[in-house]
Structure formats: structure tokens, C-alpha cells
């Protein structure tokens, strides 16, 4: 887990620029070969253009919503948020790194954590 220590500079809490190399690397676009390899690590997820997605069907809306809330907690902890579509007991999650315009390791890392729920 990455721990960031803020530096106080003229009253502003700043993050030192040099403590983020692992995070930056996880947000770099990955190659088609890497995508194919990483997809094998996340059963149920499929490629959807510049994203990966998976759909779940639950018993009812309440169960689907509980799942969405668990996903939300994971997403907040990683500061990486899926697109979420919900129709009663069906939930579809789509992962992509929007600001990079495609797939990064962060998408697959979150997909793995979601699969573990």
C-alpha cells in the first residue's frame, strides 16, 4: 500500500512529486498483449473497446445495490471509479482509465478486487 506524507508549504498541504512512481506506472496505458494476459486474470470480464466490463445478476434490487456500494468503497480506496449501470437486479461495471484513453493496470487491479467481493 502506498502511503503519502503531505508536506506543508506556505499553509498548503502538498504531496511530494517524487513519491508517486508506482502509481504513475499503474496508470500508464498497457499493450494489447498485456491486456490479453491481464484479462485471463479476471474471470467474467470481457474487452469492450478501450474498456473491460462485466455484468452480474442478483436476486433483487437490494442485493444489487449492496454490491454497488461495496464496489464504491473499493473504488474510493483506489481513487479509480468504474462506470456503473444498474437496472433492478442487474449491474454492469465498465472499467477504463478515462484520462489515459484506455486500459491500464489500475483497471485490472480493481477488476480483481471486485471479483473477490
Protein backbone atom coordinates (compact mmCIF):
# COMPACT_ATOMS: atom_id res chain seq x y z
CA UNK A 1 0.00 0.00 0.00
CA UNK A 2 1.30 3.43 -0.92
CA UNK A 3 1.46 5.93 1.92
CA UNK A 4 1.81 9.57 1.04
CA UNK A 5 3.11 12.11 3.51
CA UNK A 6 1.96 15.63 2.90
CA UNK A 7 4.42 18.49 3.03
CA UNK A 8 3.24 21.81 4.41
CA UNK A 9 4.36 24.64 2.14
CA UNK A 10 3.07 28.14 2.89
CA UNK A 11 -0.07 26.76 4.50
CA UNK A 12 -0.86 24.28 1.70
CA UNK A 13 -0.57 20.55 2.22
CA UNK A 14 1.23 19.24 -0.85
CA UNK A 15 2.27 15.77 -1.91
CA UNK A 16 5.93 15.40 -2.82
CA UNK A 17 6.23 14.78 -6.57
CA UNK A 18 8.80 12.01 -6.25
CA UNK A 19 6.71 9.61 -4.13
CA UNK A 20 4.33 8.61 -6.92
CA UNK A 21 6.31 6.47 -9.43
CA UNK A 22 4.40 3.22 -8.68
CA UNK A 23 1.05 5.00 -9.01
CA UNK A 24 2.11 6.67 -12.26
CA UNK A 25 3.29 3.33 -13.68
CA UNK A 26 -0.06 1.69 -12.83
CA UNK A 27 -1.81 4.47 -14.80
CA UNK A 28 0.24 4.02 -17.97
CA UNK A 29 -1.56 2.52 -20.97
CA UNK A 30 -0.76 -1.15 -21.45
CA UNK A 31 -0.16 -3.04 -24.70
CA UNK A 32 -2.62 -5.38 -26.42
CA UNK A 33 -0.50 -8.36 -25.31
CA UNK A 34 -0.60 -7.16 -21.71
CA UNK A 35 -4.36 -6.64 -21.94
CA UNK A 36 -4.84 -10.22 -23.19
CA UNK A 37 -2.69 -11.55 -20.34
CA UNK A 38 -4.43 -9.46 -17.69
CA UNK A 39 -7.90 -10.48 -18.98
CA UNK A 40 -7.07 -14.09 -18.15
CA UNK A 41 -6.55 -12.98 -14.53
CA UNK A 42 -10.09 -11.59 -14.18
CA UNK A 43 -12.69 -14.26 -14.99
CA UNK A 44 -16.01 -12.92 -16.23
CA UNK A 45 -14.60 -9.65 -17.58
CA UNK A 46 -14.59 -9.04 -21.34
CA UNK A 47 -13.00 -6.49 -23.59
CA UNK A 48 -15.28 -3.66 -24.72
CA UNK A 49 -13.20 -1.37 -26.94
CA UNK A 50 -10.94 0.69 -24.70
CA UNK A 51 -12.51 -0.80 -21.57
CA UNK A 52 -13.34 -4.05 -19.82
CA UNK A 53 -16.77 -4.87 -18.49
CA UNK A 54 -18.70 -7.46 -16.56
CA UNK A 55 -22.38 -7.96 -15.74
CA UNK A 56 -23.89 -9.51 -12.61
CA UNK A 57 -27.48 -10.54 -11.96
CA UNK A 58 -28.65 -10.59 -8.36
CA UNK A 59 -31.84 -11.82 -6.68
CA UNK A 60 -33.30 -8.34 -6.33
CA UNK A 61 -32.58 -4.61 -6.35
CA UNK A 62 -31.50 -4.56 -2.71
CA UNK A 63 -28.79 -7.18 -3.32
CA UNK A 64 -27.62 -5.35 -6.46
CA UNK A 65 -27.42 -2.07 -4.56
CA UNK A 66 -25.42 -3.67 -1.74
CA UNK A 67 -22.93 -4.92 -4.33
CA UNK A 68 -22.70 -1.47 -5.92
CA UNK A 69 -21.95 0.03 -2.50
CA UNK A 70 -19.15 -2.49 -1.91
CA UNK A 71 -17.70 -1.66 -5.33
CA UNK A 72 -17.96 2.03 -4.46
CA UNK A 73 -15.90 1.53 -1.32
CA UNK A 74 -13.19 -0.27 -3.29
CA UNK A 75 -13.21 2.41 -5.97
CA UNK A 76 -12.88 5.19 -3.40
CA UNK A 77 -9.99 3.40 -1.69
CA UNK A 78 -8.17 3.10 -5.04
CA UNK A 79 -9.27 6.51 -6.35
CA UNK A 80 -10.34 4.73 -9.53
CA UNK A 81 -14.03 4.63 -10.35
CA UNK A 82 -15.97 2.32 -12.69
CA UNK A 83 -18.91 3.33 -14.83
CA UNK A 84 -21.89 1.65 -13.16
CA UNK A 85 -25.15 0.71 -14.89
CA UNK A 86 -27.96 -0.69 -12.76
CA UNK A 87 -31.36 -1.98 -13.86
CA UNK A 88 -33.21 -3.51 -10.93
CA UNK A 89 -31.21 -6.70 -10.15
CA UNK A 90 -28.64 -6.34 -12.94
CA UNK A 91 -25.37 -4.46 -12.53
CA UNK A 92 -22.88 -3.78 -15.33
CA UNK A 93 -19.47 -2.36 -14.46
CA UNK A 94 -17.16 -0.85 -17.05
CA UNK A 95 -13.54 -0.09 -16.26
CA UNK A 96 -11.21 2.17 -18.21
CA UNK A 97 -8.75 4.88 -17.28
CA UNK A 98 -10.59 7.83 -18.79
CA UNK A 99 -7.78 10.36 -18.53
CA UNK A 100 -5.40 7.95 -20.34
CA UNK A 101 -7.91 6.99 -23.02
CA UNK A 102 -7.70 3.24 -22.49
CA UNK A 103 -6.74 0.38 -20.25
CA UNK A 104 -4.10 0.49 -17.53
CA UNK A 105 -3.05 -1.91 -14.80
CA UNK A 106 -5.27 0.05 -12.44
CA UNK A 107 -8.35 -1.22 -14.32
CA UNK A 108 -7.30 -4.83 -13.93
CA UNK A 109 -6.24 -4.36 -10.31
CA UNK A 110 -9.71 -3.02 -9.49
CA UNK A 111 -11.40 -5.80 -11.51
CA UNK A 112 -9.51 -8.39 -9.43
CA UNK A 113 -10.64 -6.75 -6.19
CA UNK A 114 -14.23 -6.63 -7.42
CA UNK A 115 -14.09 -10.32 -8.34
CA UNK A 116 -13.00 -11.05 -4.78
CA UNK A 117 -16.16 -9.50 -3.30
